[in-house]
Amino acid sequence: MDLRADTLTQLARSLDLEVVLAPRRTLPAVQALIGPPAAGGSVCVQTKGAFSMEED
């Protein structure tokens, strides 16, 4: 399957989602600016932080 950026954007928008590309270190600020999800919505950010409070 050849998934292009415009196809990914269209698929996300059909699911009432928005594709956001941001540096990992700025994700907390971006999420704070976006705010909590609307009623019935959800925010899914799949990322692994650079730092962890827990030991591996």
N, C-alpha and C. Protein backbone atom coordinates (compact mmCIF):
# COMPACT_ATOMS: atom_id res chain seq x y z
N MET A 1 0.85 -1.18 0.00
CA MET A 1 0.00 0.00 0.00
C MET A 1 0.89 1.23 0.00
N ASP A 2 0.65 2.14 -0.90
CA ASP A 2 1.41 3.37 -1.02
C ASP A 2 0.65 4.48 -0.31
N LEU A 3 1.04 4.77 0.92
CA LEU A 3 0.36 5.78 1.72
C LEU A 3 1.09 7.10 1.60
N ARG A 4 0.47 8.05 0.98
CA ARG A 4 1.05 9.38 0.81
C ARG A 4 0.49 10.32 1.86
N ALA A 5 1.15 11.45 2.04
CA ALA A 5 0.75 12.41 3.07
C ALA A 5 -0.69 12.90 2.85
N ASP A 6 -1.07 13.17 1.60
CA ASP A 6 -2.43 13.66 1.36
C ASP A 6 -3.46 12.58 1.65
N THR A 7 -3.12 11.32 1.37
CA THR A 7 -4.03 10.22 1.68
C THR A 7 -4.19 10.08 3.19
N LEU A 8 -3.09 10.17 3.92
CA LEU A 8 -3.13 10.10 5.37
C LEU A 8 -3.96 11.24 5.95
N THR A 9 -3.78 12.44 5.42
CA THR A 9 -4.54 13.60 5.88
C THR A 9 -6.04 13.40 5.61
N GLN A 10 -6.39 12.94 4.43
CA GLN A 10 -7.79 12.72 4.10
C GLN A 10 -8.41 11.64 4.98
N LEU A 11 -7.66 10.57 5.22
CA LEU A 11 -8.15 9.51 6.09
C LEU A 11 -8.36 10.02 7.51
N ALA A 12 -7.40 10.76 8.02
CA ALA A 12 -7.52 11.32 9.37
C ALA A 12 -8.72 12.24 9.47
N ARG A 13 -8.88 13.12 8.50
CA ARG A 13 -9.99 14.08 8.54
C ARG A 13 -11.34 13.37 8.40
N SER A 14 -11.40 12.27 7.66
CA SER A 14 -12.65 11.53 7.57
C SER A 14 -13.02 10.92 8.92
N LEU A 15 -12.03 10.72 9.77
CA LEU A 15 -12.27 10.22 11.13
C LEU A 15 -12.35 11.35 12.14
N ASP A 16 -12.46 12.58 11.66
CA ASP A 16 -12.52 13.79 12.48
C ASP A 16 -11.26 13.93 13.34
N LEU A 17 -10.12 13.63 12.73
CA LEU A 17 -8.82 13.77 13.38
C LEU A 17 -7.97 14.73 12.56
N GLU A 18 -6.91 15.20 13.14
CA GLU A 18 -5.98 16.08 12.44
C GLU A 18 -4.57 15.54 12.65
N VAL A 19 -3.82 15.48 11.59
CA VAL A 19 -2.43 15.03 11.66
C VAL A 19 -1.57 16.21 12.11
N VAL A 20 -0.81 16.00 13.16
CA VAL A 20 0.04 17.06 13.69
C VAL A 20 1.46 16.53 13.78
N LEU A 21 2.37 17.20 13.11
CA LEU A 21 3.79 16.85 13.20
C LEU A 21 4.48 17.94 14.00
N ALA A 22 5.02 17.54 15.12
CA ALA A 22 5.69 18.49 16.00
C ALA A 22 6.86 17.80 16.66
N PRO A 23 7.91 18.53 16.96
CA PRO A 23 9.04 17.91 17.67
C PRO A 23 8.56 17.35 19.01
N ARG A 24 9.09 16.20 19.40
CA ARG A 24 8.66 15.55 20.63
C ARG A 24 8.78 16.46 21.84
N ARG A 25 9.84 17.23 21.88
CA ARG A 25 10.06 18.05 23.07
C ARG A 25 9.00 19.15 23.21
N THR A 26 8.29 19.44 22.12
CA THR A 26 7.26 20.47 22.18
C THR A 26 5.84 19.91 22.32
N LEU A 27 5.69 18.58 22.34
CA LEU A 27 4.36 17.99 22.41
C LEU A 27 3.54 18.45 23.61
N PRO A 28 4.11 18.55 24.82
CA PRO A 28 3.29 19.04 25.94
C PRO A 28 2.74 20.44 25.67
N ALA A 29 3.54 21.32 25.10
CA ALA A 29 3.08 22.67 24.79
C ALA A 29 2.00 22.64 23.71
N VAL A 30 2.19 21.83 22.69
CA VAL A 30 1.19 21.72 21.62
C VAL A 30 -0.12 21.18 22.17
N GLN A 31 -0.04 20.15 23.02
CA GLN A 31 -1.25 19.58 23.60
C GLN A 31 -1.95 20.60 24.50
N ALA A 32 -1.18 21.40 25.23
CA ALA A 32 -1.78 22.43 26.09
C ALA A 32 -2.48 23.49 25.25
N LEU A 33 -1.91 23.84 24.11
CA LEU A 33 -2.53 24.82 23.23
C LEU A 33 -3.81 24.28 22.59
N ILE A 34 -3.78 23.01 22.22
CA ILE A 34 -4.94 22.39 21.59
C ILE A 34 -6.07 22.25 22.59
N GLY A 35 -5.75 21.93 23.83
CA GLY A 35 -6.75 21.79 24.87
C GLY A 35 -7.32 20.39 24.91
N PRO A 36 -8.25 20.17 25.85
CA PRO A 36 -8.86 18.84 25.98
C PRO A 36 -9.73 18.53 24.77
N PRO A 37 -9.93 17.24 24.49
CA PRO A 37 -10.77 16.87 23.35
C PRO A 37 -12.22 17.27 23.59
N ALA A 38 -12.93 17.48 22.50
CA ALA A 38 -14.36 17.81 22.57
C ALA A 38 -15.11 16.61 23.13
N ALA A 39 -16.31 16.83 23.58
CA ALA A 39 -17.13 15.75 24.13
C ALA A 39 -17.23 14.61 23.13
N GLY A 40 -16.92 13.43 23.59
CA GLY A 40 -16.99 12.26 22.71
C GLY A 40 -15.76 12.07 21.85
N GLY A 41 -14.85 13.03 21.87
CA GLY A 41 -13.62 12.92 21.08
C GLY A 41 -12.49 12.37 21.91
N SER A 42 -11.39 12.14 21.27
CA SER A 42 -10.22 11.65 22.00
C SER A 42 -8.97 12.16 21.31
N VAL A 43 -7.92 12.28 22.10
CA VAL A 43 -6.63 12.67 21.56
C VAL A 43 -5.71 11.49 21.72
N CYS A 44 -5.11 11.06 20.66
CA CYS A 44 -4.20 9.92 20.70
C CYS A 44 -2.85 10.39 20.20
N VAL A 45 -1.89 10.43 21.09
CA VAL A 45 -0.54 10.80 20.71
C VAL A 45 0.33 9.59 20.94
N GLN A 46 0.88 9.07 19.88
CA GLN A 46 1.74 7.91 20.01
C GLN A 46 3.18 8.36 19.88
N THR A 47 3.83 8.36 21.00
CA THR A 47 5.22 8.76 21.02
C THR A 47 5.89 8.17 22.23
N LYS A 48 7.15 8.03 22.17
CA LYS A 48 7.92 7.60 23.32
C LYS A 48 8.78 8.78 23.70
N GLY A 49 8.63 9.21 24.93
CA GLY A 49 9.38 10.35 25.40
C GLY A 49 10.87 10.07 25.45
N ALA A 50 11.65 11.15 25.40
CA ALA A 50 13.10 11.03 25.45
C ALA A 50 13.57 10.65 26.84
N PHE A 51 12.77 11.01 27.85
CA PHE A 51 13.14 10.74 29.24
C PHE A 51 12.02 10.02 29.93
N SER A 52 12.37 9.24 30.94
CA SER A 52 11.38 8.51 31.71
C SER A 52 11.74 8.56 33.18
N MET A 53 10.73 8.64 34.03
CA MET A 53 10.95 8.64 35.47
C MET A 53 11.23 7.23 35.99
N GLU A 54 10.84 6.24 35.20
CA GLU A 54 11.04 4.85 35.59
C GLU A 54 12.31 4.30 34.96
N GLU A 55 12.94 3.39 35.66
CA GLU A 55 14.13 2.76 35.11
C GLU A 55 13.74 1.62 34.22
N ASP A 56 14.49 1.37 33.18
CA ASP A 56 14.20 0.29 32.24
C ASP A 56 14.45 -1.05 32.84
